[in-house]
């Protein structure tokens, strides 16, 4: 029996996957990438009787952080981000895309994510994997056979590296050394699009063959 469950919410016009990851016993939850539509996220939290204890941004792009302010104001929980993406977070609301997404300026992170760090919620825990490449501070989160990969790895694809801070060499290294080293049956839950598994991406993903 798994000691971690999750709810997927597709938010905003860029269809970002926001994940509510929770301990089924205590209902304590982490909110991963509240990129847009904070009212939809808040409603899902209430409807499922969840108790947020933190917000985690897998990276600092606006479509993953646009709802930080409203969510943090509502639940008064700490915001986690890798320090290498602090500048991206600070600038996220300044581009034209932020108007399209109706994003609000994000509050600063309360805690910096570190490679190997464990985040505990109820009887569940996720381990932080620093997976730079899409951005310098991109992270993935692994626990209980699940990997929340942000925009590092997708079903049949990988994150863009043509945006500021992107690094193709670093991305390939992150995927090879951090993600493909996980068990093949690991369920990969990306920042956009459908889920996959590590084994499926090893076999079929043309960007990492």
C-alpha atoms as a PDB file:
ATOM      1  CA  UNK A   1       0.000   0.000   0.000  1.00  0.00           C
ATOM      2  CA  UNK A   2       1.378   3.395  -0.991  1.00  0.00           C
ATOM      3  CA  UNK A   3       1.861   5.957   1.740  1.00  0.00           C
ATOM      4  CA  UNK A   4       1.624   8.841  -0.714  1.00  0.00           C
ATOM      5  CA  UNK A   5      -1.207   9.943  -2.974  1.00  0.00           C
ATOM      6  CA  UNK A   6      -1.585  12.833  -5.389  1.00  0.00           C
ATOM      7  CA  UNK A   7      -4.155  14.854  -7.291  1.00  0.00           C
ATOM      8  CA  UNK A   8      -3.292  16.387 -10.664  1.00  0.00           C
ATOM      9  CA  UNK A   9      -4.730  19.788 -11.553  1.00  0.00           C
ATOM     10  CA  UNK A  10      -4.106  21.162 -15.043  1.00  0.00           C
ATOM     11  CA  UNK A  11      -3.967  24.938 -14.667  1.00  0.00           C
ATOM     12  CA  UNK A  12      -3.621  27.923 -16.967  1.00  0.00           C
ATOM     13  CA  UNK A  13      -3.492  28.299 -20.755  1.00  0.00           C
ATOM     14  CA  UNK A  14      -0.097  26.533 -20.889  1.00  0.00           C
ATOM     15  CA  UNK A  15      -1.702  23.536 -19.146  1.00  0.00           C
ATOM     16  CA  UNK A  16       0.764  23.247 -16.300  1.00  0.00           C
ATOM     17  CA  UNK A  17       0.387  20.201 -14.084  1.00  0.00           C
ATOM     18  CA  UNK A  18      -0.031  21.317 -10.486  1.00  0.00           C
ATOM     19  CA  UNK A  19       0.197  18.402  -8.072  1.00  0.00           C
ATOM     20  CA  UNK A  20      -1.331  18.091  -4.619  1.00  0.00           C
ATOM     21  CA  UNK A  21       0.792  15.375  -3.017  1.00  0.00           C
ATOM     22  CA  UNK A  22      -0.481  14.139   0.314  1.00  0.00           C
ATOM     23  CA  UNK A  23      -0.226  11.611   3.114  1.00  0.00           C
ATOM     24  CA  UNK A  24      -3.459   9.583   3.076  1.00  0.00           C
ATOM     25  CA  UNK A  25      -3.388   9.181   6.866  1.00  0.00           C
ATOM     26  CA  UNK A  26      -2.838  12.752   8.015  1.00  0.00           C
ATOM     27  CA  UNK A  27      -4.010  14.592   4.832  1.00  0.00           C
ATOM     28  CA  UNK A  28      -0.919  16.820   5.079  1.00  0.00           C
ATOM     29  CA  UNK A  29       0.013  17.911   1.560  1.00  0.00           C
ATOM     30  CA  UNK A  30       2.590  19.660  -0.570  1.00  0.00           C
ATOM     31  CA  UNK A  31       1.481  21.918  -3.411  1.00  0.00           C
ATOM     32  CA  UNK A  32       3.841  21.443  -6.353  1.00  0.00           C
ATOM     33  CA  UNK A  33       3.909  24.162  -9.038  1.00  0.00           C
ATOM     34  CA  UNK A  34       0.780  26.270  -8.506  1.00  0.00           C
ATOM     35  CA  UNK A  35       1.305  27.975 -11.846  1.00  0.00           C
ATOM     36  CA  UNK A  36      -2.109  29.553 -12.402  1.00  0.00           C
ATOM     37  CA  UNK A  37      -5.780  29.435 -11.396  1.00  0.00           C
ATOM     38  CA  UNK A  38      -5.149  29.586  -7.641  1.00  0.00           C
ATOM     39  CA  UNK A  39      -8.875  29.496  -6.926  1.00  0.00           C
ATOM     40  CA  UNK A  40      -9.088  26.088  -8.638  1.00  0.00           C
ATOM     41  CA  UNK A  41      -6.201  24.810  -6.505  1.00  0.00           C
ATOM     42  CA  UNK A  42      -7.698  26.180  -3.286  1.00  0.00           C
ATOM     43  CA  UNK A  43     -11.058  24.611  -4.095  1.00  0.00           C
ATOM     44  CA  UNK A  44      -9.473  21.188  -4.700  1.00  0.00           C
ATOM     45  CA  UNK A  45      -7.575  21.398  -1.417  1.00  0.00           C
ATOM     46  CA  UNK A  46     -10.775  22.150   0.500  1.00  0.00           C
ATOM     47  CA  UNK A  47     -12.866  19.541  -1.325  1.00  0.00           C
ATOM     48  CA  UNK A  48     -10.332  16.830  -0.515  1.00  0.00           C
ATOM     49  CA  UNK A  49      -9.862  17.909   3.104  1.00  0.00           C
ATOM     50  CA  UNK A  50      -6.128  18.450   2.639  1.00  0.00           C
ATOM     51  CA  UNK A  51      -3.851  20.314   5.024  1.00  0.00           C
ATOM     52  CA  UNK A  52      -1.115  22.169   3.104  1.00  0.00           C
ATOM     53  CA  UNK A  53       2.287  22.381   4.769  1.00  0.00           C
ATOM     54  CA  UNK A  54       4.346  23.795   1.882  1.00  0.00           C
ATOM     55  CA  UNK A  55       4.560  25.034  -1.697  1.00  0.00           C
ATOM     56  CA  UNK A  56       7.315  23.668  -3.918  1.00  0.00           C
ATOM     57  CA  UNK A  57       8.355  25.238  -7.215  1.00  0.00           C
ATOM     58  CA  UNK A  58      10.274  22.774  -9.389  1.00  0.00           C
ATOM     59  CA  UNK A  59      11.748  25.824 -11.126  1.00  0.00           C
ATOM     60  CA  UNK A  60      11.219  29.557 -11.446  1.00  0.00           C
ATOM     61  CA  UNK A  61       9.319  29.962 -14.724  1.00  0.00           C
ATOM     62  CA  UNK A  62       6.113  31.955 -14.524  1.00  0.00           C
ATOM     63  CA  UNK A  63       3.831  29.100 -15.606  1.00  0.00           C
ATOM     64  CA  UNK A  64       4.953  27.175 -12.504  1.00  0.00           C
ATOM     65  CA  UNK A  65       4.995  30.009  -9.954  1.00  0.00           C
ATOM     66  CA  UNK A  66       2.155  32.314 -11.054  1.00  0.00           C
ATOM     67  CA  UNK A  67      -0.190  31.274  -8.244  1.00  0.00           C
ATOM     68  CA  UNK A  68       2.373  31.335  -5.430  1.00  0.00           C
ATOM     69  CA  UNK A  69       1.147  34.593  -3.916  1.00  0.00           C
ATOM     70  CA  UNK A  70      -2.520  33.682  -3.594  1.00  0.00           C
ATOM     71  CA  UNK A  71      -1.794  30.173  -2.347  1.00  0.00           C
ATOM     72  CA  UNK A  72       0.719  31.381   0.231  1.00  0.00           C
ATOM     73  CA  UNK A  73      -1.616  34.121   1.428  1.00  0.00           C
ATOM     74  CA  UNK A  74      -4.446  31.621   1.801  1.00  0.00           C
ATOM     75  CA  UNK A  75      -2.597  28.903   3.710  1.00  0.00           C
ATOM     76  CA  UNK A  76       0.442  30.705   5.231  1.00  0.00           C
ATOM     77  CA  UNK A  77       2.862  27.907   4.406  1.00  0.00           C
ATOM     78  CA  UNK A  78       6.556  28.062   3.431  1.00  0.00           C
ATOM     79  CA  UNK A  79       7.614  28.345  -0.203  1.00  0.00           C
ATOM     80  CA  UNK A  80      10.498  26.150  -1.399  1.00  0.00           C
ATOM     81  CA  UNK A  81      12.732  26.876  -4.414  1.00  0.00           C
ATOM     82  CA  UNK A  82      16.311  26.036  -5.371  1.00  0.00           C
ATOM     83  CA  UNK A  83      18.532  29.065  -4.829  1.00  0.00           C
ATOM     84  CA  UNK A  84      19.870  28.942  -8.407  1.00  0.00           C
ATOM     85  CA  UNK A  85      16.413  29.922  -9.711  1.00  0.00           C
ATOM     86  CA  UNK A  86      15.890  32.877  -7.390  1.00  0.00           C
ATOM     87  CA  UNK A  87      16.486  35.428 -10.139  1.00  0.00           C
ATOM     88  CA  UNK A  88      14.036  33.687 -12.445  1.00  0.00           C
ATOM     89  CA  UNK A  89      11.413  33.766  -9.698  1.00  0.00           C
ATOM     90  CA  UNK A  90      12.014  37.452  -9.056  1.00  0.00           C
ATOM     91  CA  UNK A  91      11.636  38.279 -12.761  1.00  0.00           C
ATOM     92  CA  UNK A  92       8.846  35.831 -13.598  1.00  0.00           C
ATOM     93  CA  UNK A  93       6.025  38.379 -13.475  1.00  0.00           C
ATOM     94  CA  UNK A  94       7.764  40.932 -15.705  1.00  0.00           C
ATOM     95  CA  UNK A  95       7.375  39.244 -19.093  1.00  0.00           C
ATOM     96  CA  UNK A  96       4.426  39.419 -21.460  1.00  0.00           C
ATOM     97  CA  UNK A  97       3.556  35.824 -20.629  1.00  0.00           C
ATOM     98  CA  UNK A  98       2.698  36.811 -17.064  1.00  0.00           C
ATOM     99  CA  UNK A  99      -0.189  38.980 -18.300  1.00  0.00           C
ATOM    100  CA  UNK A 100      -1.461  36.088 -20.411  1.00  0.00           C
ATOM    101  CA  UNK A 101      -1.337  33.808 -17.365  1.00  0.00           C
ATOM    102  CA  UNK A 102      -2.680  36.474 -14.966  1.00  0.00           C
ATOM    103  CA  UNK A 103       0.335  35.755 -12.773  1.00  0.00           C
ATOM    104  CA  UNK A 104       1.054  37.763  -9.647  1.00  0.00           C
ATOM    105  CA  UNK A 105       4.567  38.586  -8.389  1.00  0.00           C
ATOM    106  CA  UNK A 106       5.737  35.709  -6.230  1.00  0.00           C
ATOM    107  CA  UNK A 107       6.810  36.181  -2.625  1.00  0.00           C
ATOM    108  CA  UNK A 108      10.433  35.204  -1.979  1.00  0.00           C
ATOM    109  CA  UNK A 109      11.140  31.589  -1.050  1.00  0.00           C
ATOM    110  CA  UNK A 110      11.266  30.751   2.633  1.00  0.00           C
ATOM    111  CA  UNK A 111      13.622  27.820   2.140  1.00  0.00           C
ATOM    112  CA  UNK A 112      16.153  26.828  -0.507  1.00  0.00           C
ATOM    113  CA  UNK A 113      15.901  23.295  -1.863  1.00  0.00           C
ATOM    114  CA  UNK A 114      19.103  21.244  -1.800  1.00  0.00           C
ATOM    115  CA  UNK A 115      20.036  18.040  -3.593  1.00  0.00           C
ATOM    116  CA  UNK A 116      19.297  15.079  -1.343  1.00  0.00           C
ATOM    117  CA  UNK A 117      17.055  17.043   1.006  1.00  0.00           C
ATOM    118  CA  UNK A 118      14.022  15.197   2.361  1.00  0.00           C
ATOM    119  CA  UNK A 119      10.687  16.946   2.755  1.00  0.00           C
ATOM    120  CA  UNK A 120       8.374  15.172   5.181  1.00  0.00           C
ATOM    121  CA  UNK A 121       4.593  15.536   5.235  1.00  0.00           C
ATOM    122  CA  UNK A 122       2.678  13.267   7.559  1.00  0.00           C
ATOM    123  CA  UNK A 123       4.059   9.769   7.086  1.00  0.00           C
ATOM    124  CA  UNK A 124       5.221  10.558   3.545  1.00  0.00           C
ATOM    125  CA  UNK A 125       8.431  12.054   2.239  1.00  0.00           C
ATOM    126  CA  UNK A 126       9.919  13.301  -1.012  1.00  0.00           C
ATOM    127  CA  UNK A 127      13.629  13.532  -1.795  1.00  0.00           C
ATOM    128  CA  UNK A 128      14.896  16.521  -3.756  1.00  0.00           C
ATOM    129  CA  UNK A 129      16.979  15.775  -6.856  1.00  0.00           C
ATOM    130  CA  UNK A 130      18.730  18.812  -8.321  1.00  0.00           C
ATOM    131  CA  UNK A 131      18.231  18.367 -12.070  1.00  0.00           C
ATOM    132  CA  UNK A 132      19.568  21.514 -13.785  1.00  0.00           C
ATOM    133  CA  UNK A 133      19.346  22.056 -17.516  1.00  0.00           C
ATOM    134  CA  UNK A 134      15.912  23.493 -18.232  1.00  0.00           C
ATOM    135  CA  UNK A 135      16.866  26.104 -15.659  1.00  0.00           C
ATOM    136  CA  UNK A 136      19.879  26.271 -13.313  1.00  0.00           C
ATOM    137  CA  UNK A 137      17.744  25.493 -10.267  1.00  0.00           C
ATOM    138  CA  UNK A 138      15.378  22.890 -11.662  1.00  0.00           C
ATOM    139  CA  UNK A 139      14.561  20.094  -9.248  1.00  0.00           C
ATOM    140  CA  UNK A 140      12.704  16.799  -9.411  1.00  0.00           C
ATOM    141  CA  UNK A 141      11.064  15.161  -6.401  1.00  0.00           C
ATOM    142  CA  UNK A 142      11.196  11.416  -5.775  1.00  0.00           C
ATOM    143  CA  UNK A 143       9.387   9.197  -3.316  1.00  0.00           C
ATOM    144  CA  UNK A 144       7.270   6.054  -3.046  1.00  0.00           C
ATOM    145  CA  UNK A 145       7.832   5.094  -6.676  1.00  0.00           C
ATOM    146  CA  UNK A 146       6.840   8.538  -7.980  1.00  0.00           C
ATOM    147  CA  UNK A 147       8.978  11.221  -9.627  1.00  0.00           C
ATOM    148  CA  UNK A 148       7.667  14.744 -10.052  1.00  0.00           C
ATOM    149  CA  UNK A 149      10.004  15.843 -12.837  1.00  0.00           C
ATOM    150  CA  UNK A 150       8.980  19.464 -13.428  1.00  0.00           C
ATOM    151  CA  UNK A 151      10.046  20.497 -16.937  1.00  0.00           C
ATOM    152  CA  UNK A 152      13.158  18.308 -16.965  1.00  0.00           C
ATOM    153  CA  UNK A 153      11.621  15.169 -18.498  1.00  0.00           C
ATOM    154  CA  UNK A 154       8.314  14.699 -20.329  1.00  0.00           C
ATOM    155  CA  UNK A 155       6.501  11.791 -21.903  1.00  0.00           C
ATOM    156  CA  UNK A 156       8.517  11.491 -25.118  1.00  0.00           C
ATOM    157  CA  UNK A 157      10.342  14.760 -24.636  1.00  0.00           C
ATOM    158  CA  UNK A 158      12.621  16.904 -22.494  1.00  0.00           C
ATOM    159  CA  UNK A 159      12.615  20.455 -21.241  1.00  0.00           C
ATOM    160  CA  UNK A 160      13.567  23.381 -23.434  1.00  0.00           C
ATOM    161  CA  UNK A 161      17.107  24.697 -23.097  1.00  0.00           C
ATOM    162  CA  UNK A 162      16.811  27.731 -25.403  1.00  0.00           C
ATOM    163  CA  UNK A 163      15.483  30.009 -22.661  1.00  0.00           C
ATOM    164  CA  UNK A 164      17.751  32.083 -20.360  1.00  0.00           C
ATOM    165  CA  UNK A 165      19.691  29.768 -18.065  1.00  0.00           C
ATOM    166  CA  UNK A 166      19.015  26.679 -20.183  1.00  0.00           C
ATOM    167  CA  UNK A 167      21.875  24.245 -20.726  1.00  0.00           C
ATOM    168  CA  UNK A 168      21.498  21.211 -23.000  1.00  0.00           C
ATOM    169  CA  UNK A 169      24.596  19.458 -21.671  1.00  0.00           C
ATOM    170  CA  UNK A 170      23.446  19.897 -18.089  1.00  0.00           C
ATOM    171  CA  UNK A 171      19.948  18.671 -18.950  1.00  0.00           C
ATOM    172  CA  UNK A 172      21.217  15.447 -20.512  1.00  0.00           C
ATOM    173  CA  UNK A 173      23.510  14.870 -17.545  1.00  0.00           C
ATOM    174  CA  UNK A 174      20.649  15.417 -15.090  1.00  0.00           C
ATOM    175  CA  UNK A 175      18.383  12.991 -16.902  1.00  0.00           C
ATOM    176  CA  UNK A 176      21.043  10.336 -17.327  1.00  0.00           C
ATOM    177  CA  UNK A 177      22.558  10.479 -13.848  1.00  0.00           C
ATOM    178  CA  UNK A 178      19.569  11.396 -11.675  1.00  0.00           C
ATOM    179  CA  UNK A 179      16.401  10.196 -13.425  1.00  0.00           C
ATOM    180  CA  UNK A 180      17.371   7.216 -15.565  1.00  0.00           C
ATOM    181  CA  UNK A 181      19.197   5.797 -12.549  1.00  0.00           C
ATOM    182  CA  UNK A 182      15.827   5.306 -10.833  1.00  0.00           C
ATOM    183  CA  UNK A 183      13.936   1.995 -11.133  1.00  0.00           C
ATOM    184  CA  UNK A 184      12.290   1.449 -14.520  1.00  0.00           C
ATOM    185  CA  UNK A 185       8.857   1.203 -12.903  1.00  0.00           C
ATOM    186  CA  UNK A 186       9.145   4.701 -11.410  1.00  0.00           C
ATOM    187  CA  UNK A 187       6.094   6.716 -12.446  1.00  0.00           C
ATOM    188  CA  UNK A 188       7.168  10.053 -13.930  1.00  0.00           C
ATOM    189  CA  UNK A 189       4.768  12.964 -13.398  1.00  0.00           C
ATOM    190  CA  UNK A 190       5.939  15.895 -15.534  1.00  0.00           C
ATOM    191  CA  UNK A 191       5.182  19.598 -15.447  1.00  0.00           C
ATOM    192  CA  UNK A 192       3.112  19.357 -18.615  1.00  0.00           C
ATOM    193  CA  UNK A 193       1.400  16.517 -20.434  1.00  0.00           C
ATOM    194  CA  UNK A 194       0.705  12.884 -19.568  1.00  0.00           C
ATOM    195  CA  UNK A 195       2.583  10.708 -17.129  1.00  0.00           C
ATOM    196  CA  UNK A 196       5.138   8.109 -18.163  1.00  0.00           C
ATOM    197  CA  UNK A 197       7.687   5.785 -16.559  1.00  0.00           C
ATOM    198  CA  UNK A 198      11.459   5.781 -16.400  1.00  0.00           C
ATOM    199  CA  UNK A 199      11.506   2.512 -18.346  1.00  0.00           C
ATOM    200  CA  UNK A 200       9.293   3.877 -21.094  1.00  0.00           C
ATOM    201  CA  UNK A 201      11.514   6.933 -21.553  1.00  0.00           C
ATOM    202  CA  UNK A 202      14.647   4.799 -21.624  1.00  0.00           C
ATOM    203  CA  UNK A 203      13.112   2.766 -24.433  1.00  0.00           C
ATOM    204  CA  UNK A 204      11.332   5.405 -26.519  1.00  0.00           C
ATOM    205  CA  UNK A 205      12.398   8.976 -25.770  1.00  0.00           C
ATOM    206  CA  UNK A 206      14.307  10.160 -28.883  1.00  0.00           C
ATOM    207  CA  UNK A 207      15.987  13.025 -27.009  1.00  0.00           C
ATOM    208  CA  UNK A 208      17.875  10.789 -24.597  1.00  0.00           C
ATOM    209  CA  UNK A 209      18.617   7.682 -26.636  1.00  0.00           C
END
